[in-house]
Amino acid sequence: MMCPICGAHTVVKETRDSRRRRECFNLHKFSTHEVVIEERAFDWRDVASHPGKATQVASHYSISVNHVYAYRSRLRDEQRSSAMESRNLQPA
């Protein structure tokens, strides 16, 4: 973590519960408080089938655009293999 006063690197001097006392290399002292952020769970298929541009979908799910592209590619691959299997299983 960087010092909010001068931008220098900091070290943790003391930790109690969720509060940390920090000190930067220029001897500025300050406290930080840890907060747990609940992670949103989602199925990758929801992401892949979500309508809209990849940038909008990535923003909606708080993931990278590259993940959206990967999930969409994975869904296309699954759909292709499923279609191939259904063609092979049909009686001639």
N, C-alpha and C. Protein backbone atom coordinates (compact mmCIF):
# COMPACT_ATOMS: atom_id res chain seq x y z
N MET A 1 0.85 -1.17 0.00
CA MET A 1 0.00 0.00 0.00
C MET A 1 0.89 1.23 0.00
N MET A 2 0.41 2.26 -0.65
CA MET A 2 1.17 3.51 -0.75
C MET A 2 0.65 4.53 0.28
N CYS A 3 1.54 5.38 0.72
CA CYS A 3 1.20 6.43 1.68
C CYS A 3 0.27 7.45 1.00
N PRO A 4 -0.84 7.80 1.66
CA PRO A 4 -1.74 8.78 1.06
C PRO A 4 -1.18 10.20 1.10
N ILE A 5 -0.14 10.42 1.88
CA ILE A 5 0.44 11.76 2.01
C ILE A 5 1.53 11.99 0.96
N CYS A 6 2.48 11.05 0.85
CA CYS A 6 3.62 11.26 -0.05
C CYS A 6 3.74 10.23 -1.16
N GLY A 7 2.97 9.13 -1.08
CA GLY A 7 3.02 8.11 -2.13
C GLY A 7 4.12 7.08 -1.96
N ALA A 8 4.83 7.10 -0.85
CA ALA A 8 5.91 6.14 -0.62
C ALA A 8 5.32 4.79 -0.19
N HIS A 9 6.10 3.74 -0.31
CA HIS A 9 5.68 2.41 0.15
C HIS A 9 5.54 2.42 1.67
N THR A 10 4.68 1.54 2.17
CA THR A 10 4.42 1.50 3.60
C THR A 10 4.65 0.10 4.16
N VAL A 11 4.76 0.03 5.48
CA VAL A 11 4.84 -1.24 6.19
C VAL A 11 3.78 -1.22 7.30
N VAL A 12 3.29 -2.41 7.64
CA VAL A 12 2.32 -2.53 8.72
C VAL A 12 3.08 -2.60 10.03
N LYS A 13 2.75 -1.71 10.95
CA LYS A 13 3.41 -1.66 12.25
C LYS A 13 2.61 -2.40 13.32
N GLU A 14 1.27 -2.43 13.16
CA GLU A 14 0.43 -3.06 14.17
C GLU A 14 -0.91 -3.44 13.52
N THR A 15 -1.45 -4.60 13.94
CA THR A 15 -2.76 -5.04 13.46
C THR A 15 -3.61 -5.44 14.64
N ARG A 16 -4.81 -4.88 14.70
CA ARG A 16 -5.78 -5.23 15.74
C ARG A 16 -7.14 -5.31 15.08
N ASP A 17 -7.77 -6.48 15.20
CA ASP A 17 -9.04 -6.74 14.54
C ASP A 17 -8.90 -6.41 13.05
N SER A 18 -9.68 -5.47 12.56
CA SER A 18 -9.60 -5.15 11.14
C SER A 18 -8.88 -3.81 10.91
N ARG A 19 -8.24 -3.27 11.96
CA ARG A 19 -7.54 -2.00 11.86
C ARG A 19 -6.04 -2.24 11.78
N ARG A 20 -5.38 -1.55 10.87
CA ARG A 20 -3.93 -1.67 10.74
C ARG A 20 -3.28 -0.29 10.84
N ARG A 21 -2.23 -0.24 11.65
CA ARG A 21 -1.42 0.98 11.73
C ARG A 21 -0.28 0.81 10.74
N ARG A 22 -0.10 1.79 9.90
CA ARG A 22 0.94 1.73 8.87
C ARG A 22 1.87 2.92 9.00
N GLU A 23 3.07 2.72 8.46
CA GLU A 23 4.05 3.80 8.43
C GLU A 23 4.78 3.74 7.11
N CYS A 24 4.93 4.90 6.48
CA CYS A 24 5.66 4.93 5.21
C CYS A 24 7.15 5.13 5.47
N PHE A 25 7.94 5.02 4.42
CA PHE A 25 9.39 5.16 4.57
C PHE A 25 9.82 6.59 4.86
N ASN A 26 8.87 7.54 4.74
CA ASN A 26 9.14 8.92 5.12
C ASN A 26 8.58 9.24 6.50
N LEU A 27 8.20 8.17 7.24
CA LEU A 27 7.75 8.23 8.63
C LEU A 27 6.38 8.86 8.84
N HIS A 28 5.55 8.92 7.80
CA HIS A 28 4.16 9.33 7.98
C HIS A 28 3.40 8.13 8.55
N LYS A 29 2.54 8.36 9.55
CA LYS A 29 1.77 7.28 10.16
C LYS A 29 0.29 7.48 9.84
N PHE A 30 -0.40 6.35 9.57
CA PHE A 30 -1.84 6.40 9.30
C PHE A 30 -2.42 5.02 9.55
N SER A 31 -3.76 4.97 9.64
CA SER A 31 -4.47 3.71 9.88
C SER A 31 -5.31 3.34 8.67
N THR A 32 -5.48 2.04 8.48
CA THR A 32 -6.40 1.55 7.46
C THR A 32 -7.36 0.57 8.13
N HIS A 33 -8.49 0.37 7.51
CA HIS A 33 -9.51 -0.51 8.04
C HIS A 33 -9.89 -1.50 6.94
N GLU A 34 -9.80 -2.80 7.24
CA GLU A 34 -10.15 -3.82 6.26
C GLU A 34 -11.65 -4.03 6.23
N VAL A 35 -12.18 -4.15 5.01
CA VAL A 35 -13.59 -4.43 4.81
C VAL A 35 -13.70 -5.59 3.85
N VAL A 36 -14.50 -6.59 4.20
CA VAL A 36 -14.70 -7.73 3.32
C VAL A 36 -15.80 -7.38 2.33
N ILE A 37 -15.49 -7.57 1.07
CA ILE A 37 -16.46 -7.33 0.01
C ILE A 37 -16.98 -8.67 -0.47
N GLU A 38 -18.29 -8.82 -0.44
CA GLU A 38 -18.89 -10.08 -0.86
C GLU A 38 -18.72 -10.26 -2.36
N GLU A 39 -18.24 -11.43 -2.72
CA GLU A 39 -18.00 -11.71 -4.13
C GLU A 39 -19.29 -12.23 -4.76
N ARG A 40 -19.60 -11.69 -5.96
CA ARG A 40 -20.79 -12.14 -6.66
C ARG A 40 -20.51 -13.45 -7.37
N ALA A 41 -21.35 -14.42 -7.13
CA ALA A 41 -21.20 -15.71 -7.80
C ALA A 41 -22.09 -15.71 -9.04
N PHE A 42 -21.56 -16.26 -10.12
CA PHE A 42 -22.34 -16.37 -11.35
C PHE A 42 -21.86 -17.57 -12.14
N ASP A 43 -22.71 -18.05 -12.98
CA ASP A 43 -22.38 -19.16 -13.86
C ASP A 43 -21.76 -18.57 -15.13
N TRP A 44 -20.69 -19.15 -15.61
CA TRP A 44 -20.02 -18.62 -16.79
C TRP A 44 -20.94 -18.63 -18.00
N ARG A 45 -21.94 -19.54 -18.01
CA ARG A 45 -22.89 -19.58 -19.13
C ARG A 45 -23.77 -18.33 -19.14
N ASP A 46 -24.07 -17.80 -17.95
CA ASP A 46 -24.83 -16.55 -17.88
C ASP A 46 -24.06 -15.41 -18.53
N VAL A 47 -22.77 -15.38 -18.28
CA VAL A 47 -21.91 -14.34 -18.87
C VAL A 47 -21.86 -14.52 -20.38
N ALA A 48 -21.64 -15.76 -20.82
CA ALA A 48 -21.48 -16.05 -22.25
C ALA A 48 -22.74 -15.73 -23.04
N SER A 49 -23.90 -15.97 -22.46
CA SER A 49 -25.15 -15.77 -23.19
C SER A 49 -25.78 -14.40 -22.95
N HIS A 50 -25.14 -13.58 -22.14
CA HIS A 50 -25.65 -12.24 -21.84
C HIS A 50 -25.61 -11.39 -23.11
N PRO A 51 -26.72 -10.75 -23.47
CA PRO A 51 -26.72 -9.91 -24.67
C PRO A 51 -25.91 -8.63 -24.44
N GLY A 52 -25.40 -8.10 -25.49
CA GLY A 52 -24.67 -6.85 -25.38
C GLY A 52 -23.21 -7.00 -25.73
N LYS A 53 -22.55 -5.87 -25.81
CA LYS A 53 -21.12 -5.86 -26.14
C LYS A 53 -20.31 -6.42 -24.98
N ALA A 54 -19.17 -6.96 -25.32
CA ALA A 54 -18.31 -7.59 -24.31
C ALA A 54 -17.93 -6.60 -23.21
N THR A 55 -17.69 -5.35 -23.57
CA THR A 55 -17.31 -4.35 -22.56
C THR A 55 -18.45 -4.10 -21.57
N GLN A 56 -19.69 -4.08 -22.07
CA GLN A 56 -20.84 -3.88 -21.19
C GLN A 56 -21.04 -5.08 -20.27
N VAL A 57 -20.89 -6.28 -20.84
CA VAL A 57 -21.06 -7.51 -20.05
C VAL A 57 -19.97 -7.59 -18.98
N ALA A 58 -18.74 -7.27 -19.35
CA ALA A 58 -17.63 -7.30 -18.39
C ALA A 58 -17.88 -6.33 -17.25
N SER A 59 -18.37 -5.16 -17.57
CA SER A 59 -18.67 -4.17 -16.54
C SER A 59 -19.80 -4.66 -15.62
N HIS A 60 -20.82 -5.27 -16.21
CA HIS A 60 -21.97 -5.76 -15.43
C HIS A 60 -21.54 -6.83 -14.42
N TYR A 61 -20.66 -7.75 -14.85
CA TYR A 61 -20.23 -8.84 -13.98
C TYR A 61 -18.93 -8.55 -13.24
N SER A 62 -18.34 -7.39 -13.45
CA SER A 62 -17.08 -6.99 -12.82
C SER A 62 -15.96 -7.99 -13.13
N ILE A 63 -15.82 -8.31 -14.40
CA ILE A 63 -14.76 -9.19 -14.87
C ILE A 63 -14.08 -8.53 -16.06
N SER A 64 -13.00 -9.13 -16.54
CA SER A 64 -12.29 -8.54 -17.67
C SER A 64 -12.99 -8.90 -18.98
N VAL A 65 -12.78 -8.09 -19.99
CA VAL A 65 -13.35 -8.34 -21.32
C VAL A 65 -12.81 -9.66 -21.86
N ASN A 66 -11.56 -9.97 -21.58
CA ASN A 66 -10.98 -11.23 -22.05
C ASN A 66 -11.71 -12.44 -21.49
N HIS A 67 -12.20 -12.34 -20.26
CA HIS A 67 -12.99 -13.44 -19.69
C HIS A 67 -14.31 -13.60 -20.45
N VAL A 68 -14.93 -12.49 -20.82
CA VAL A 68 -16.17 -12.56 -21.58
C VAL A 68 -15.92 -13.28 -22.91
N TYR A 69 -14.84 -12.89 -23.60
CA TYR A 69 -14.51 -13.54 -24.88
C TYR A 69 -14.26 -15.03 -24.68
N ALA A 70 -13.54 -15.38 -23.63
CA ALA A 70 -13.23 -16.79 -23.36
C ALA A 70 -14.50 -17.58 -23.06
N TYR A 71 -15.40 -17.02 -22.25
CA TYR A 71 -16.65 -17.71 -21.92
C TYR A 71 -17.52 -17.89 -23.16
N ARG A 72 -17.57 -16.85 -24.01
CA ARG A 72 -18.37 -16.96 -25.23
C ARG A 72 -17.78 -18.01 -26.18
N SER A 73 -16.48 -18.06 -26.27
CA SER A 73 -15.83 -19.06 -27.11
C SER A 73 -16.11 -20.46 -26.58
N ARG A 74 -16.04 -20.61 -25.28
CA ARG A 74 -16.31 -21.91 -24.65
C ARG A 74 -17.75 -22.35 -24.90
N LEU A 75 -18.69 -21.41 -24.82
CA LEU A 75 -20.09 -21.74 -25.07
C LEU A 75 -20.30 -22.16 -26.52
N ARG A 76 -19.67 -21.45 -27.47
CA ARG A 76 -19.77 -21.83 -28.88
C ARG A 76 -19.21 -23.23 -29.11
N ASP A 77 -18.08 -23.54 -28.48
CA ASP A 77 -17.48 -24.87 -28.61
C ASP A 77 -18.42 -25.95 -28.07
N GLU A 78 -19.04 -25.68 -26.93
CA GLU A 78 -19.99 -26.65 -26.36
C GLU A 78 -21.19 -26.85 -27.27
N GLN A 79 -21.69 -25.75 -27.83
CA GLN A 79 -22.84 -25.85 -28.72
C GLN A 79 -22.50 -26.62 -29.99
N ARG A 80 -21.31 -26.39 -30.53
CA ARG A 80 -20.87 -27.13 -31.73
C ARG A 80 -20.74 -28.62 -31.44
N SER A 81 -20.10 -28.97 -30.33
CA SER A 81 -19.92 -30.38 -30.01
C SER A 81 -21.25 -31.05 -29.71
N SER A 82 -22.18 -30.34 -29.09
CA SER A 82 -23.50 -30.88 -28.82
C SER A 82 -24.25 -31.13 -30.13
N ALA A 83 -24.14 -30.20 -31.08
CA ALA A 83 -24.81 -30.36 -32.37
C ALA A 83 -24.21 -31.53 -33.14
N MET A 84 -22.90 -31.69 -33.06
CA MET A 84 -22.23 -32.82 -33.74
C MET A 84 -22.67 -34.14 -33.14
N GLU A 85 -22.78 -34.20 -31.81
CA GLU A 85 -23.21 -35.43 -31.14
C GLU A 85 -24.62 -35.79 -31.52
N SER A 86 -25.52 -34.79 -31.59
CA SER A 86 -26.90 -35.08 -31.93
C SER A 86 -27.02 -35.56 -33.37
N ARG A 87 -26.19 -35.06 -34.26
CA ARG A 87 -26.19 -35.54 -35.65
C ARG A 87 -25.70 -36.98 -35.73
N ASN A 88 -24.70 -37.32 -34.95
CA ASN A 88 -24.13 -38.67 -34.96
C ASN A 88 -25.05 -39.69 -34.31
N LEU A 89 -25.90 -39.24 -33.38
CA LEU A 89 -26.78 -40.17 -32.67
C LEU A 89 -28.07 -40.48 -33.44
N GLN A 90 -28.42 -39.64 -34.41
CA GLN A 90 -29.65 -39.86 -35.16
C GLN A 90 -29.50 -41.06 -36.09
N PRO A 91 -30.54 -41.90 -36.17
CA PRO A 91 -30.46 -43.06 -37.06
C PRO A 91 -30.44 -42.64 -38.53
N ALA A 92 -29.67 -43.38 -39.33
CA ALA A 92 -29.51 -43.04 -40.74
C ALA A 92 -30.65 -43.56 -41.57
